[in-house]
C-alpha atoms as a PDB file:
ATOM      1  CA  MET A   1     241.582 -32.306  20.136  1.00  0.00           C
ATOM      2  CA  ASN A   2     241.773 -35.794  21.629  1.00  0.00           C
ATOM      3  CA  CYS A   3     245.287 -35.536  23.053  1.00  0.00           C
ATOM      4  CA  ASP A   4     244.967 -32.549  25.371  1.00  0.00           C
ATOM      5  CA  GLY A   5     242.251 -34.233  27.454  1.00  0.00           C
ATOM      6  CA  CYS A   6     244.943 -36.472  28.951  1.00  0.00           C
ATOM      7  CA  HIS A   7     248.262 -34.923  27.916  1.00  0.00           C
ATOM      8  CA  GLY A   8     247.283 -31.339  28.794  1.00  0.00           C
ATOM      9  CA  GLY A   9     247.352 -28.158  26.778  1.00  0.00           C
ATOM     10  CA  GLY A  10     250.545 -27.934  24.764  1.00  0.00           C
ATOM     11  CA  GLY A  11     251.232 -31.603  25.542  1.00  0.00           C
ATOM     12  CA  THR A  12     253.041 -30.723  28.783  1.00  0.00           C
ATOM     13  CA  GLY A  13     251.353 -33.476  30.771  1.00  0.00           C
ATOM     14  CA  TRP A  14     248.303 -33.861  32.958  1.00  0.00           C
ATOM     15  CA  ALA A  15     246.626 -37.244  33.591  1.00  0.00           C
ATOM     16  CA  GLY A  16     248.825 -38.602  30.794  1.00  0.00           C
ATOM     17  CA  PRO A  17     252.562 -37.961  30.520  1.00  0.00           C
ATOM     18  CA  SER A  18     254.169 -34.972  28.860  1.00  0.00           C
ATOM     19  CA  LEU A  19     254.658 -35.234  25.111  1.00  0.00           C
ATOM     20  CA  VAL A  20     257.290 -32.496  25.000  1.00  0.00           C
ATOM     21  CA  ASP A  21     259.794 -33.222  27.777  1.00  0.00           C
ATOM     22  CA  GLY A  22     261.910 -35.622  25.695  1.00  0.00           C
ATOM     23  CA  ARG A  23     261.249 -38.609  27.968  1.00  0.00           C
ATOM     24  CA  TRP A  24     259.396 -41.529  26.400  1.00  0.00           C
ATOM     25  CA  ARG A  25     258.290 -44.704  28.182  1.00  0.00           C
ATOM     26  CA  TYR A  26     257.882 -46.600  24.888  1.00  0.00           C
ATOM     27  CA  GLY A  27     260.411 -44.731  22.752  1.00  0.00           C
ATOM     28  CA  GLY A  28     260.332 -41.345  21.076  1.00  0.00           C
ATOM     29  CA  SER A  29     261.156 -42.278  17.494  1.00  0.00           C
ATOM     30  CA  ASP A  30     258.534 -41.620  14.843  1.00  0.00           C
ATOM     31  CA  GLY A  31     257.861 -45.362  14.558  1.00  0.00           C
ATOM     32  CA  ALA A  32     257.485 -45.819  18.315  1.00  0.00           C
ATOM     33  CA  LEU A  33     255.082 -42.879  18.512  1.00  0.00           C
ATOM     34  CA  PHE A  34     253.067 -44.349  15.638  1.00  0.00           C
ATOM     35  CA  GLN A  35     252.838 -47.673  17.492  1.00  0.00           C
ATOM     36  CA  SER A  36     251.692 -45.914  20.682  1.00  0.00           C
ATOM     37  CA  ILE A  37     248.989 -43.919  18.915  1.00  0.00           C
ATOM     38  CA  TYR A  38     247.824 -46.644  16.529  1.00  0.00           C
ATOM     39  CA  TYR A  39     247.741 -49.578  18.969  1.00  0.00           C
ATOM     40  CA  GLY A  40     247.501 -47.773  22.316  1.00  0.00           C
ATOM     41  CA  ARG A  41     249.463 -48.577  25.476  1.00  0.00           C
ATOM     42  CA  PRO A  42     248.672 -50.133  28.844  1.00  0.00           C
ATOM     43  CA  ARG A  43     247.408 -47.903  31.661  1.00  0.00           C
ATOM     44  CA  GLY A  44     245.294 -45.493  29.717  1.00  0.00           C
ATOM     45  CA  MET A  45     246.498 -44.769  26.177  1.00  0.00           C
ATOM     46  CA  PRO A  46     243.633 -45.801  23.869  1.00  0.00           C
ATOM     47  CA  ALA A  47     244.239 -47.186  20.382  1.00  0.00           C
ATOM     48  CA  TYR A  48     243.412 -44.663  17.665  1.00  0.00           C
ATOM     49  CA  GLY A  49     244.187 -46.960  14.730  1.00  0.00           C
ATOM     50  CA  GLY A  50     240.517 -47.602  14.033  1.00  0.00           C
ATOM     51  CA  ILE A  51     239.554 -43.980  14.604  1.00  0.00           C
ATOM     52  CA  MET A  52     242.298 -42.011  12.823  1.00  0.00           C
ATOM     53  CA  SER A  53     243.793 -42.793   9.434  1.00  0.00           C
ATOM     54  CA  PRO A  54     247.525 -43.583   9.324  1.00  0.00           C
ATOM     55  CA  GLY A  55     248.032 -40.257   7.507  1.00  0.00           C
ATOM     56  CA  ALA A  56     246.327 -38.351  10.320  1.00  0.00           C
ATOM     57  CA  ILE A  57     248.468 -40.178  12.898  1.00  0.00           C
ATOM     58  CA  TRP A  58     251.622 -39.180  11.006  1.00  0.00           C
ATOM     59  CA  LYS A  59     250.445 -35.553  11.085  1.00  0.00           C
ATOM     60  CA  VAL A  60     250.022 -35.777  14.872  1.00  0.00           C
ATOM     61  CA  ILE A  61     253.536 -37.216  15.163  1.00  0.00           C
ATOM     62  CA  ALA A  62     254.962 -34.376  13.061  1.00  0.00           C
ATOM     63  CA  TYR A  63     253.159 -31.896  15.313  1.00  0.00           C
ATOM     64  CA  ILE A  64     254.467 -33.546  18.509  1.00  0.00           C
ATOM     65  CA  GLN A  65     258.042 -33.668  17.198  1.00  0.00           C
ATOM     66  CA  ALA A  66     257.885 -29.988  16.197  1.00  0.00           C
ATOM     67  CA  GLN A  67     256.948 -28.751  19.680  1.00  0.00           C
ATOM     68  CA  PRO A  68     259.635 -26.927  21.661  1.00  0.00           C
ATOM     69  CA  VAL A  69     260.564 -28.228  25.088  1.00  0.00           C
ATOM     70  CA  PRO A  70     259.068 -25.779  27.612  1.00  0.00           C
ATOM     71  CA  ALA A  71     261.390 -23.913  29.981  1.00  0.00           C
ATOM     72  CA  THR A  72     259.651 -25.590  32.913  1.00  0.00           C
ATOM     73  CA  VAL A  73     258.231 -29.076  32.508  1.00  0.00           C
ATOM     74  CA  PRO A  74     255.720 -30.126  35.176  1.00  0.00           C
ATOM     75  CA  THR A  75     257.367 -33.368  36.239  1.00  0.00           C
ATOM     76  CA  GLN A  76     258.115 -34.697  39.679  1.00  0.00           C
ATOM     77  CA  SER A  77     261.533 -35.320  41.135  1.00  0.00           C
ATOM     78  CA  TRP A  78     261.862 -38.054  43.730  1.00  0.00           C
ATOM     79  CA  ILE A  79     264.794 -37.022  45.898  1.00  0.00           C
ATOM     80  CA  ALA A  80     265.253 -39.000  49.097  1.00  0.00           C
ATOM     81  CA  GLU A  81     265.209 -36.921  52.258  1.00  0.00           C
ATOM     82  CA  PRO A  82     268.212 -37.453  54.551  1.00  0.00           C
ATOM     83  CA  ALA A  83     267.410 -39.749  57.480  1.00  0.00           C
ATOM     84  CA  GLN A  84     266.703 -37.937  60.746  1.00  0.00           C
ATOM     85  CA  LYS A  85     268.901 -38.862  63.684  1.00  0.00           C
ATOM     86  CA  SER A  86     267.014 -39.910  66.788  1.00  0.00           C
ATOM     87  CA  HIS A  87     268.320 -38.864  70.189  1.00  0.00           C
END
């Protein structure tokens, strides 16, 4: 309910990063996810430690870890364009 506002439906990413593409800025272990949810992270991830019980946070982590990686993940690829020759 709170996650999809930033992480998009199905956790595939929106204003916040994808939760299902296997790439984690702060680590994807259960403990790292708990730290991110409980204490929050810079640049937008609020702390839910005072809002959700630790048990509820662990249930969210189990849900995130159980999600399949989608066939297409909406992420950007930054490929440099070849330099144009000037005549």
